[in-house]
Amino acid sequence: MIDKSKQYWSGDCAADIDEYLREYTELPDLEVKPVTCSCGSDCFTVLVDQDEGAVLLKCTHCAEEKFLLDSAEYWPSCQPKAGICRLCKNAEYNVRVGFVRDEEGRIQWIYMGNRCTDCGVLGSYVDWGVDSEISDELEQML
């Protein structure tokens, strides 16, 4: 359940990111999917380049790195910054991705939602428009 009573909204669990992204985007039907590591963990450190719309996640359990969707394509020109919680300064997050699709089902816009695993603060470090079609293969690698 989202707590909206403080300066920063917070959630009790990763699933609260879904509601947060839907309210943040004002799109009640936003399709939101969880991001998990191959080891099963859903806790990551985040490197993000907001200008390029690129994200690199590192699992805090097994240290596996994974690019979010087509981020690897843009990474060579990125100047990423580490995601640090604005409230508690923690650097570990649950991450989910929201998709805006057109009438044919193609992804048009992507929103990354995040929740600090320490204090629960919810946010969205980055969102970006999609110029080319994101493949089903990339989408399933979340």
Protein backbone atom coordinates (compact mmCIF):
# COMPACT_ATOMS: atom_id res chain seq x y z
CA MET A 1 0.00 0.00 0.00
CA ILE A 2 1.33 3.43 -0.93
CA ASP A 3 1.80 6.01 1.81
CA LYS A 4 1.22 9.48 0.32
CA SER A 5 1.27 11.34 3.64
CA LYS A 6 4.94 12.39 3.54
CA GLN A 7 7.08 14.46 1.20
CA TYR A 8 8.02 11.35 -0.80
CA TRP A 9 5.54 8.58 -1.51
CA SER A 10 6.61 5.19 -0.19
CA GLY A 11 5.53 1.61 -0.61
CA ASP A 12 5.62 -1.53 1.51
CA CYS A 13 6.64 -3.87 -1.31
CA ALA A 14 7.81 -3.98 -4.93
CA ALA A 15 4.23 -4.41 -6.18
CA ASP A 16 3.49 -0.85 -4.99
CA ILE A 17 5.62 0.39 -7.91
CA ASP A 18 2.76 -0.63 -10.24
CA GLU A 19 0.26 1.72 -8.57
CA TYR A 20 2.88 4.46 -8.30
CA LEU A 21 3.69 4.34 -12.03
CA ARG A 22 0.00 4.38 -12.97
CA GLU A 23 -0.57 7.48 -10.84
CA TYR A 24 2.70 9.12 -11.93
CA THR A 25 1.85 8.67 -15.63
CA GLU A 26 -1.89 9.28 -15.15
CA LEU A 27 -2.42 6.12 -17.21
CA PRO A 28 -4.59 3.73 -15.17
CA ASP A 29 -4.15 0.97 -17.77
CA LEU A 30 -0.35 1.23 -17.94
CA GLU A 31 1.12 -2.25 -18.42
CA VAL A 32 3.71 -2.80 -15.66
CA LYS A 33 6.11 -5.73 -15.45
CA PRO A 34 8.55 -6.71 -12.70
CA VAL A 35 12.29 -6.90 -13.30
CA THR A 36 14.09 -9.89 -11.82
CA CYS A 37 17.57 -11.33 -12.02
CA SER A 38 18.25 -14.82 -13.34
CA CYS A 39 19.00 -15.79 -9.72
CA GLY A 40 15.44 -14.81 -8.74
CA SER A 41 16.29 -11.64 -6.83
CA ASP A 42 14.46 -8.37 -7.48
CA CYS A 43 16.99 -6.09 -5.76
CA PHE A 44 19.39 -4.01 -7.85
CA THR A 45 21.74 -1.08 -7.90
CA VAL A 46 20.90 1.24 -10.76
CA LEU A 47 23.06 3.15 -13.25
CA VAL A 48 21.00 5.47 -15.42
CA ASP A 49 21.53 7.99 -18.18
CA GLN A 50 18.38 10.09 -18.35
CA ASP A 51 19.39 11.81 -21.59
CA GLU A 52 19.96 8.57 -23.48
CA GLY A 53 17.14 6.64 -21.79
CA ALA A 54 19.45 3.82 -20.77
CA VAL A 55 19.66 1.74 -17.60
CA LEU A 56 22.13 -0.84 -16.31
CA LEU A 57 21.06 -2.89 -13.30
CA LYS A 58 23.35 -4.92 -11.03
CA CYS A 59 21.82 -7.60 -8.84
CA THR A 60 22.74 -7.05 -5.20
CA HIS A 61 22.46 -10.78 -4.54
CA CYS A 62 24.66 -12.34 -7.25
CA ALA A 63 26.24 -9.25 -8.93
CA GLU A 64 24.92 -10.15 -12.40
CA GLU A 65 24.54 -7.08 -14.60
CA LYS A 66 21.70 -6.59 -17.04
CA PHE A 67 20.70 -3.81 -19.37
CA LEU A 68 17.10 -2.73 -19.28
CA LEU A 69 15.50 -3.51 -22.65
CA ASP A 70 17.50 -1.88 -25.49
CA SER A 71 19.84 0.10 -23.19
CA ALA A 72 22.96 -1.82 -24.32
CA GLU A 73 22.56 -0.26 -27.76
CA TYR A 74 22.95 3.25 -26.31
CA TRP A 75 25.37 2.51 -23.47
CA PRO A 76 28.63 3.38 -25.29
CA SER A 77 27.54 7.03 -25.52
CA CYS A 78 26.12 7.19 -21.99
CA GLN A 79 27.30 9.14 -18.99
CA PRO A 80 25.48 7.15 -16.31
CA LYS A 81 24.83 8.18 -12.73
CA ALA A 82 24.18 5.87 -9.81
CA GLY A 83 20.69 5.87 -8.38
CA ILE A 84 20.79 6.91 -4.72
CA CYS A 85 17.65 7.24 -2.60
CA ARG A 86 16.92 10.90 -2.00
CA LEU A 87 15.67 10.16 1.52
CA CYS A 88 17.92 7.52 3.12
CA LYS A 89 20.84 7.49 0.61
CA ASN A 90 20.46 3.73 0.07
CA ALA A 91 21.46 2.44 -3.38
CA GLU A 92 19.36 -0.76 -3.62
CA TYR A 93 16.04 -0.83 -5.44
CA ASN A 94 13.19 -2.98 -6.64
CA VAL A 95 12.56 -2.11 -10.29
CA ARG A 96 9.54 -2.41 -12.56
CA VAL A 97 8.91 -1.23 -16.09
CA GLY A 98 5.75 0.36 -17.46
CA PHE A 99 4.84 0.21 -21.14
CA VAL A 100 2.64 2.52 -23.18
CA ARG A 101 1.55 0.71 -26.34
CA ASP A 102 -0.08 1.88 -29.55
CA GLU A 103 -3.18 0.31 -31.13
CA GLU A 104 -1.08 -2.43 -32.76
CA GLY A 105 0.58 -3.34 -29.45
CA ARG A 106 3.96 -1.76 -30.22
CA ILE A 107 5.74 -0.10 -27.33
CA GLN A 108 5.71 3.70 -27.69
CA TRP A 109 6.98 4.85 -24.27
CA ILE A 110 8.78 3.21 -21.36
CA TYR A 111 8.75 4.21 -17.67
CA MET A 112 11.14 2.75 -15.13
CA GLY A 113 9.71 2.69 -11.62
CA ASN A 114 11.83 2.06 -8.57
CA ARG A 115 11.37 1.47 -4.84
CA CYS A 116 14.14 1.88 -2.26
CA THR A 117 14.51 -1.44 -0.45
CA ASP A 118 15.48 0.35 2.78
CA CYS A 119 12.91 3.11 3.29
CA GLY A 120 10.37 2.26 0.55
CA VAL A 121 10.53 5.62 -1.29
CA LEU A 122 9.01 5.31 -4.75
CA GLY A 123 10.22 7.07 -7.86
CA SER A 124 10.97 6.98 -11.55
CA TYR A 125 14.54 7.74 -12.54
CA VAL A 126 13.90 7.66 -16.26
CA ASP A 127 11.35 7.34 -19.01
CA TRP A 128 11.86 7.44 -22.74
CA GLY A 129 10.13 7.24 -26.08
CA VAL A 130 10.79 4.30 -28.35
CA ASP A 131 11.85 4.99 -31.95
CA SER A 132 12.20 1.39 -33.04
CA GLU A 133 10.30 -1.72 -32.09
CA ILE A 134 11.39 -3.38 -28.84
CA SER A 135 11.51 -7.10 -29.52
CA ASP A 136 9.50 -9.57 -27.48
CA GLU A 137 12.84 -11.21 -26.62
CA LEU A 138 14.12 -8.04 -24.93
CA GLU A 139 10.83 -7.48 -23.15
CA GLN A 140 10.86 -11.02 -21.76
CA MET A 141 14.38 -10.52 -20.36
CA LEU A 142 13.02 -8.22 -17.66
